[in-house]
């Protein structure tokens, strides 16, 4: 009888563990985030940012980002330039009011982490990889990353022209549990 009980108990435990859900900590985006962009010709910030972040330093593969930037909140420090950036010549905020990023994969790297996902700007969705770091601070933390995109890949503005094609983005996002 004991010979039968042990294999049955082991099979039940093994089957039960196969359905155990992996819980990934959810983080809330805190005030004080910074989403800035720069090139040789233009620079500024976006003041509207929201989304959901599920991130586990020990299990980045189970983590997920789904965030949006409110393009209508662009601020270049120049009212006329802001109006121009919001126009249909550039971001066309009436038609495309958000920049959206959804992760597909997050992995550990030598310098921190890398998230790969779909970045949608101006109605164009493109797979993009973003290097980032995460520094814990008590019950919170800060995600930070710097990367470059080509605005022409997303049909923002006219090719060539007065603004560089390569735009550098700096992101710093404080979070709390």
Protein backbone atom coordinates (compact mmCIF):
# COMPACT_ATOMS: atom_id res chain seq x y z
CA UNK A 1 0.00 0.00 0.00
CA UNK A 2 2.83 2.43 0.90
CA UNK A 3 4.43 1.73 -2.48
CA UNK A 4 1.33 3.09 -4.24
CA UNK A 5 0.76 6.12 -1.98
CA UNK A 6 4.20 7.69 -2.50
CA UNK A 7 4.07 7.77 -6.33
CA UNK A 8 0.45 9.03 -6.26
CA UNK A 9 1.33 11.79 -3.75
CA UNK A 10 4.37 12.78 -5.86
CA UNK A 11 2.21 12.95 -9.00
CA UNK A 12 -0.38 15.14 -7.23
CA UNK A 13 2.29 17.53 -5.93
CA UNK A 14 3.95 17.71 -9.35
CA UNK A 15 0.63 18.33 -11.12
CA UNK A 16 -0.36 20.99 -8.57
CA UNK A 17 2.96 22.82 -8.92
CA UNK A 18 2.54 22.97 -12.70
CA UNK A 19 -0.53 25.19 -12.20
CA UNK A 20 0.96 27.45 -9.56
CA UNK A 21 0.70 31.04 -10.73
CA UNK A 22 3.82 33.15 -10.75
CA UNK A 23 3.03 36.48 -9.17
CA UNK A 24 4.94 39.47 -10.42
CA UNK A 25 4.90 42.61 -8.26
CA UNK A 26 2.79 45.46 -9.65
CA UNK A 27 4.25 48.94 -9.44
CA UNK A 28 2.41 52.27 -9.46
CA UNK A 29 3.93 55.14 -11.42
CA UNK A 30 4.73 57.93 -8.96
CA UNK A 31 4.92 61.67 -9.49
CA UNK A 32 8.28 63.03 -10.55
CA UNK A 33 8.72 60.96 -13.70
CA UNK A 34 10.67 62.46 -16.58
CA UNK A 35 10.16 61.67 -20.27
CA UNK A 36 12.48 63.92 -22.27
CA UNK A 37 13.67 64.01 -25.86
CA UNK A 38 16.53 65.77 -27.57
CA UNK A 39 18.39 66.14 -30.82
CA UNK A 40 20.82 68.71 -32.17
CA UNK A 41 17.81 70.77 -33.27
CA UNK A 42 14.92 70.24 -30.84
CA UNK A 43 14.35 69.16 -27.27
CA UNK A 44 11.60 69.00 -24.72
CA UNK A 45 9.54 66.86 -22.38
CA UNK A 46 6.23 65.07 -22.23
CA UNK A 47 4.27 65.82 -19.06
CA UNK A 48 1.59 63.09 -19.39
CA UNK A 49 2.58 59.49 -18.65
CA UNK A 50 0.59 56.54 -17.30
CA UNK A 51 0.35 52.78 -17.50
CA UNK A 52 0.82 49.50 -15.75
CA UNK A 53 4.13 47.99 -14.73
CA UNK A 54 4.59 44.45 -13.44
CA UNK A 55 8.27 43.82 -12.75
CA UNK A 56 10.26 41.23 -10.83
CA UNK A 57 14.04 41.68 -10.71
CA UNK A 58 14.48 37.95 -10.10
CA UNK A 59 12.14 36.94 -12.93
CA UNK A 60 12.24 39.60 -15.67
CA UNK A 61 10.79 37.16 -18.23
CA UNK A 62 7.47 37.19 -16.32
CA UNK A 63 7.42 41.00 -16.20
CA UNK A 64 5.23 43.27 -18.36
CA UNK A 65 5.10 46.99 -19.27
CA UNK A 66 2.10 48.69 -20.87
CA UNK A 67 2.56 52.47 -20.85
CA UNK A 68 1.33 55.53 -22.74
CA UNK A 69 2.58 59.07 -23.20
CA UNK A 70 0.03 61.82 -23.75
CA UNK A 71 1.48 63.62 -26.79
CA UNK A 72 -0.75 66.65 -26.17
CA UNK A 73 1.45 67.39 -23.12
CA UNK A 74 4.59 68.01 -25.20
CA UNK A 75 6.57 70.99 -23.95
CA UNK A 76 9.57 72.33 -25.85
CA UNK A 77 9.80 75.52 -23.83
CA UNK A 78 8.43 77.50 -26.77
CA UNK A 79 4.67 77.94 -27.26
CA UNK A 80 4.91 78.31 -31.04
CA UNK A 81 7.13 75.25 -31.28
CA UNK A 82 4.68 73.28 -29.10
CA UNK A 83 1.81 74.21 -31.40
CA UNK A 84 3.87 73.20 -34.43
CA UNK A 85 4.85 69.84 -32.83
CA UNK A 86 1.16 69.08 -32.15
CA UNK A 87 0.13 69.94 -35.73
CA UNK A 88 -0.48 67.44 -38.52
CA UNK A 89 3.02 68.22 -39.86
CA UNK A 90 4.56 66.44 -36.86
CA UNK A 91 2.69 64.41 -34.23
CA UNK A 92 -0.86 65.21 -35.42
CA UNK A 93 -2.24 64.98 -31.86
CA UNK A 94 -5.83 65.35 -33.07
CA UNK A 95 -5.46 61.98 -34.81
CA UNK A 96 -2.68 60.33 -32.73
CA UNK A 97 -2.88 61.68 -29.16
CA UNK A 98 -0.77 58.94 -27.57
CA UNK A 99 2.54 57.15 -27.83
CA UNK A 100 2.04 53.57 -26.66
CA UNK A 101 4.54 50.87 -25.64
CA UNK A 102 3.68 47.26 -24.79
CA UNK A 103 6.44 44.86 -23.84
CA UNK A 104 6.86 41.43 -25.39
CA UNK A 105 10.02 40.33 -23.60
CA UNK A 106 12.15 41.58 -20.72
CA UNK A 107 15.58 40.12 -20.02
CA UNK A 108 18.58 40.70 -17.76
CA UNK A 109 21.73 42.17 -19.35
CA UNK A 110 25.22 42.93 -18.08
CA UNK A 111 24.28 46.60 -17.57
CA UNK A 112 20.74 46.08 -16.24
CA UNK A 113 17.77 44.95 -18.32
CA UNK A 114 16.37 45.17 -21.82
CA UNK A 115 12.72 45.36 -22.78
CA UNK A 116 11.59 44.56 -26.30
CA UNK A 117 8.09 45.40 -27.40
CA UNK A 118 5.83 47.31 -29.72
CA UNK A 119 6.30 51.09 -29.79
CA UNK A 120 3.47 52.92 -31.54
CA UNK A 121 3.97 56.56 -32.54
CA UNK A 122 1.89 58.49 -35.07
CA UNK A 123 -0.10 55.37 -36.00
CA UNK A 124 3.04 53.35 -36.82
CA UNK A 125 3.88 50.31 -34.68
CA UNK A 126 7.47 49.09 -34.63
CA UNK A 127 9.28 46.54 -32.50
CA UNK A 128 11.77 48.42 -30.35
CA UNK A 129 14.33 47.38 -27.72
CA UNK A 130 15.01 49.67 -24.79
CA UNK A 131 17.88 49.20 -22.30
CA UNK A 132 17.03 50.19 -18.74
CA UNK A 133 18.08 49.94 -15.12
CA UNK A 134 16.00 49.47 -12.00
CA UNK A 135 17.17 50.75 -8.62
CA UNK A 136 15.17 49.81 -5.55
CA UNK A 137 14.57 52.53 -2.96
CA UNK A 138 12.80 51.21 0.14
CA UNK A 139 9.27 50.25 -0.93
CA UNK A 140 9.75 51.86 -4.34
CA UNK A 141 12.23 52.10 -7.12
CA UNK A 142 13.25 53.99 -10.23
CA UNK A 143 13.31 52.72 -13.80
CA UNK A 144 15.73 54.65 -16.03
CA UNK A 145 16.72 54.29 -19.66
CA UNK A 146 18.20 56.14 -22.59
CA UNK A 147 17.66 55.14 -26.20
CA UNK A 148 17.46 56.60 -29.69
CA UNK A 149 14.72 56.33 -32.29
CA UNK A 150 14.56 57.50 -35.88
CA UNK A 151 11.53 59.79 -36.21
CA UNK A 152 11.25 58.84 -39.90
CA UNK A 153 10.47 55.23 -38.89
CA UNK A 154 7.24 56.61 -37.39
CA UNK A 155 6.52 59.24 -40.08
CA UNK A 156 6.91 62.12 -37.62
CA UNK A 157 7.77 65.26 -39.57
CA UNK A 158 9.21 65.35 -43.05
CA UNK A 159 12.34 63.37 -43.86
CA UNK A 160 15.40 65.60 -43.74
CA UNK A 161 14.45 69.17 -43.00
CA UNK A 162 15.39 71.29 -40.01
CA UNK A 163 15.16 68.61 -37.31
CA UNK A 164 17.55 65.69 -36.93
CA UNK A 165 16.19 62.25 -37.73
CA UNK A 166 17.74 60.59 -34.67
CA UNK A 167 15.94 61.55 -31.46
CA UNK A 168 17.39 60.63 -28.08
CA UNK A 169 14.93 59.78 -25.31
CA UNK A 170 15.72 59.83 -21.60
CA UNK A 171 13.21 58.16 -19.31
CA UNK A 172 13.17 58.16 -15.51
CA UNK A 173 10.13 56.65 -13.82
CA UNK A 174 9.83 56.43 -10.03
CA UNK A 175 7.44 53.71 -8.86
CA UNK A 176 5.89 52.52 -5.60
CA UNK A 177 4.29 49.22 -4.62
